[in-house]
Protein backbone atom coordinates (compact mmCIF):
# COMPACT_ATOMS: atom_id res chain seq x y z
CA MET A 1 40.26 69.80 53.06
CA ASP A 2 37.70 71.72 55.02
CA VAL A 3 34.85 69.19 54.67
CA LEU A 4 32.43 71.21 56.72
CA TYR A 5 32.89 74.26 54.56
CA PHE A 6 31.96 72.35 51.45
CA LEU A 7 28.91 70.77 53.23
CA LYS A 8 27.61 74.24 54.18
CA ARG A 9 28.23 75.49 50.75
CA ARG A 10 25.79 72.77 49.61
CA THR A 11 23.24 73.27 52.31
CA GLY A 12 23.35 77.04 51.79
CA PHE A 13 22.69 76.49 48.03
CA ILE A 14 19.75 74.23 48.77
CA ARG A 15 18.14 76.93 50.87
CA TYR A 16 18.68 79.40 47.97
CA PHE A 17 17.54 77.01 45.39
CA TYR A 18 14.22 76.30 47.31
CA ASP A 19 13.41 79.94 47.97
CA THR A 20 14.30 81.12 44.51
CA GLY A 21 12.73 78.19 42.63
CA GLY A 22 9.48 78.45 44.66
CA GLU A 23 8.83 82.12 44.03
CA PRO A 24 6.97 81.77 40.75
CA PHE A 25 4.83 79.02 42.10
CA LEU A 26 3.94 80.85 45.29
CA GLU A 27 3.21 83.99 43.23
CA THR A 28 0.79 82.07 41.02
CA ILE A 29 -0.99 80.60 44.00
CA ARG A 30 -1.37 84.06 45.57
CA LYS A 31 -2.66 85.67 42.43
CA ILE A 32 -5.28 82.96 41.88
CA GLU A 33 -6.45 83.18 45.52
CA ALA A 34 -6.43 87.00 45.40
CA GLY A 35 -8.11 87.16 41.98
CA GLU A 36 -5.29 89.19 40.45
CA SER A 37 -4.50 89.42 36.77
CA PRO A 38 -4.15 87.35 34.71
CA PHE A 39 -6.50 85.18 36.74
CA GLY A 40 -9.26 87.61 37.23
CA GLU A 41 -11.84 87.39 39.89
CA PRO A 42 -12.22 83.97 41.63
CA HIS A 43 -15.47 82.14 40.80
CA ASP A 44 -16.87 78.72 40.32
CA SER A 45 -16.74 77.30 36.80
CA GLU A 46 -19.65 75.64 34.93
CA ASP A 47 -18.50 72.19 35.92
CA GLY A 48 -18.42 73.03 39.65
CA GLU A 49 -14.64 73.32 39.87
CA PRO A 50 -13.14 76.51 41.29
CA ALA A 51 -11.79 78.81 38.64
CA PHE A 52 -8.09 78.22 37.63
CA GLN A 53 -8.10 74.92 39.61
CA VAL A 54 -5.68 73.33 37.07
CA GLU A 55 -3.26 76.31 37.41
CA TRP A 56 -3.49 76.18 41.16
CA SER A 57 -3.02 72.50 41.30
CA GLU A 58 0.02 72.64 39.02
CA ALA A 59 1.71 75.27 41.14
CA THR A 60 1.09 73.47 44.37
CA THR A 61 2.27 70.21 42.84
CA ALA A 62 5.50 72.10 41.60
CA LEU A 63 6.17 73.29 45.18
CA GLU A 64 5.77 69.65 46.39
CA MET A 65 8.30 68.39 43.85
CA LEU A 66 10.64 71.22 44.61
CA GLY A 67 10.67 70.31 48.22
CA ARG A 68 11.35 66.63 47.58
CA THR A 69 14.04 67.52 45.01
CA CYS A 70 15.76 69.73 47.64
CA ASN A 71 15.54 66.96 50.15
CA SER A 72 17.17 64.61 47.77
CA MET A 73 19.96 67.07 47.27
CA LEU A 74 20.34 67.27 51.04
CA SER A 75 20.54 63.53 51.31
CA ALA A 76 23.18 63.32 48.69
CA SER A 77 25.08 66.19 50.37
CA LEU A 78 25.06 64.23 53.69
CA GLN A 79 26.28 61.05 52.08
CA LEU A 80 29.07 62.98 50.16
CA TYR A 81 30.01 64.54 53.45
CA PHE A 82 30.33 61.09 55.15
CA LYS A 83 32.53 59.84 52.32
CA ALA A 84 34.80 62.84 52.53
CA TRP A 85 34.86 62.73 56.37
CA GLU A 86 36.01 59.07 56.08
CA THR A 87 38.77 59.97 53.64
CA GLU A 88 40.08 62.85 55.84
CA ALA A 89 39.95 60.65 58.98
CA HIS A 90 41.65 57.79 57.18
CA ILE A 91 38.88 55.41 57.73
CA THR A 92 39.03 51.99 56.05
CA TRP A 93 36.25 49.45 55.80
CA GLU A 94 36.14 45.64 55.30
CA PRO A 95 34.45 44.73 52.08
CA LYS A 96 30.66 45.46 52.25
CA GLU A 97 30.95 46.57 55.86
CA ARG A 98 30.29 50.24 55.00
CA ALA A 99 27.09 49.41 53.17
CA LYS A 100 25.95 47.15 55.99
CA ALA A 101 26.47 49.86 58.62
CA PHE A 102 24.74 52.49 56.51
CA ASN A 103 21.74 50.32 55.69
CA ARG A 104 21.11 50.04 59.44
CA GLY A 105 20.72 53.88 59.41
CA VAL A 106 22.64 57.11 59.99
CA LYS A 107 23.08 56.52 63.73
CA ALA A 108 24.32 53.04 63.32
CA TYR A 109 26.83 54.10 60.64
CA LEU A 110 28.14 56.83 62.82
CA GLN A 111 28.34 54.44 65.80
CA SER A 112 30.54 52.23 63.66
CA LEU A 113 32.74 55.21 63.01
CA GLY A 114 32.78 56.08 66.66
CA GLU A 115 34.04 52.59 67.51
CA ALA A 116 36.92 53.09 65.13
CA LEU A 117 37.74 56.59 66.18
CA LYS A 118 36.96 56.36 69.87
CA PHE A 119 34.04 58.78 70.25
CA SER A 120 30.49 58.48 71.51
CA LEU A 121 27.33 59.84 70.00
CA ASP A 122 25.94 60.55 73.51
CA ALA A 123 26.56 64.24 73.33
CA CYS A 124 25.75 64.76 69.67
CA PRO A 125 23.11 67.46 69.31
CA ALA A 126 21.71 66.27 66.05
CA ASN A 127 18.26 64.77 65.80
CA PHE A 128 18.90 61.33 64.22
CA GLU A 129 15.18 60.68 63.58
CA ILE A 130 15.07 63.62 61.28
CA LEU A 131 18.30 62.67 59.56
CA GLU A 132 17.14 59.15 59.04
CA GLN A 133 13.90 60.45 57.46
CA VAL A 134 15.79 62.72 55.14
CA ILE A 135 17.27 59.58 53.48
CA LEU A 136 14.04 57.61 53.64
CA ALA A 137 12.11 60.34 51.96
CA ARG A 138 14.81 60.59 49.29
CA ASN A 139 14.59 56.93 48.63
CA ARG A 140 10.81 57.12 48.31
CA ASP A 141 11.09 60.08 45.91
CA GLN A 142 13.70 58.38 43.71
CA HIS A 143 11.67 55.16 43.54
CA PRO A 144 8.05 55.98 43.18
CA ASP A 145 5.40 53.30 42.85
CA HIS A 146 2.98 54.68 40.27
CA ILE A 147 3.24 56.39 36.92
CA THR A 148 -0.27 57.82 37.37
CA ARG A 149 0.57 60.28 40.05
CA LEU A 150 3.38 62.74 40.83
CA SER A 151 3.11 62.37 44.51
CA VAL A 152 4.80 59.70 46.60
CA THR A 153 3.75 58.01 49.91
CA HIS A 154 5.70 56.85 52.90
CA ASP A 155 6.19 53.11 52.84
CA ALA A 156 5.24 50.60 55.50
CA THR A 157 8.79 50.39 56.87
CA THR A 158 8.93 54.12 57.47
CA LEU A 159 5.44 54.16 59.01
CA GLU A 160 6.37 51.41 61.40
CA LYS A 161 9.75 52.98 62.41
CA TYR A 162 8.45 56.51 62.71
CA PRO A 163 4.84 56.71 63.82
CA GLN A 164 5.45 60.52 64.20
CA LEU A 165 6.42 61.42 60.65
CA PHE A 166 8.54 64.42 59.99
CA PHE A 167 7.83 65.00 56.22
CA ILE A 168 4.12 65.13 56.28
CA SER A 169 1.50 67.88 55.68
CA GLU A 170 -0.38 69.22 58.61
CA SER A 171 -3.71 68.19 57.11
CA GLU A 172 -2.46 64.61 56.75
CA ARG A 173 -0.84 64.67 60.21
CA LYS A 174 -4.28 65.36 61.78
CA ILE A 175 -5.79 62.41 59.95
CA TYR A 176 -2.83 60.14 60.63
CA CYS A 177 -3.01 60.90 64.38
CA ASN A 178 -6.17 58.78 64.43
CA ALA A 179 -4.94 55.21 65.22
CA GLU A 180 -7.83 53.69 63.22
CA MET A 181 -6.77 55.60 60.10
CA ARG A 182 -3.30 54.45 60.38
CA ASN A 183 -4.43 50.82 59.87
CA ILE A 184 -6.02 51.54 56.52
CA PRO A 185 -3.45 50.42 53.77
CA TRP A 186 -4.60 53.01 51.19
CA MET A 187 -4.30 55.83 53.78
CA SER A 188 -0.51 56.00 53.61
CA PRO A 189 0.42 59.65 53.99
CA THR A 190 2.14 61.67 51.26
CA VAL A 191 5.82 62.54 51.55
CA HIS A 192 5.49 66.32 51.98
CA VAL A 193 8.60 68.48 52.25
CA SER A 194 7.60 72.05 53.21
CA ARG A 195 10.04 74.90 53.47
CA GLU A 196 9.79 74.67 57.25
CA THR A 197 10.68 70.92 57.41
CA LEU A 198 13.34 71.22 54.74
CA PHE A 199 15.14 74.05 56.49
CA ALA A 200 14.77 72.24 59.82
CA ALA A 201 16.38 69.14 58.30
CA ILE A 202 19.23 71.33 56.82
CA ASP A 203 19.80 72.71 60.39
CA GLN A 204 20.27 69.12 61.68
CA VAL A 205 22.59 68.22 58.97
CA GLU A 206 24.80 71.28 59.64
CA ALA A 207 24.58 70.52 63.48
CA LEU A 208 25.85 67.05 62.81
CA GLY A 209 28.65 68.33 60.57
CA GLU A 210 29.77 70.84 63.21
CA TRP A 211 29.85 68.30 65.91
CA LEU A 212 31.63 65.73 63.91
CA GLU A 213 34.33 68.26 62.81
CA GLU A 214 35.68 68.36 66.24
CA ARG A 215 35.85 64.51 66.36
CA ARG A 216 37.69 64.54 62.98
CA PHE A 217 40.36 66.86 64.24
CA ASP A 218 40.67 64.81 67.38
CA ALA A 219 41.13 61.77 65.20
CA LYS A 220 43.89 63.43 63.30
């Protein structure tokens, strides 16, 4: 089976899904900010809130959730690729060893494979910090803390391991760059998956797949 082909079919669909799914939300935001019909001229409402604030907030929240959903799809695609890769390379594990390796992270998991198949990750072009954060962001999205909000925040483990977060908005990045702000518990930054970071993460997944494909053929 051409495992890389099916991985790229999935990553290609994720790109398509994000761009197509995001179009109505981006258009709503654009119309509100431009004062176009059906939103009319932008003005402040009687309660001091900007006009159409609810509609604007819903559209931006929808984009946030779309990004996190696509990242979860990407994380699942990567894990399915690993399982298929193992099957094709005839990898067998001792009971619970696979879970132990994967719980230590993507790089540790691949190092375990490398030991079995006699390859080193030294020349691998993929950015493992991004790949690790794909999975960590997915875990946060699938296990939120509060029913009162639709956003999710990075947990303490992620913040400690990755001071330079990948999935974070530019506005929060500027705040989080301040060392004093990082020590305030309630200032945990939001998991923010933009089009730019999502597509960059997809590029890293594909780069890993292309590099591993050569190792798989060598193993055969």
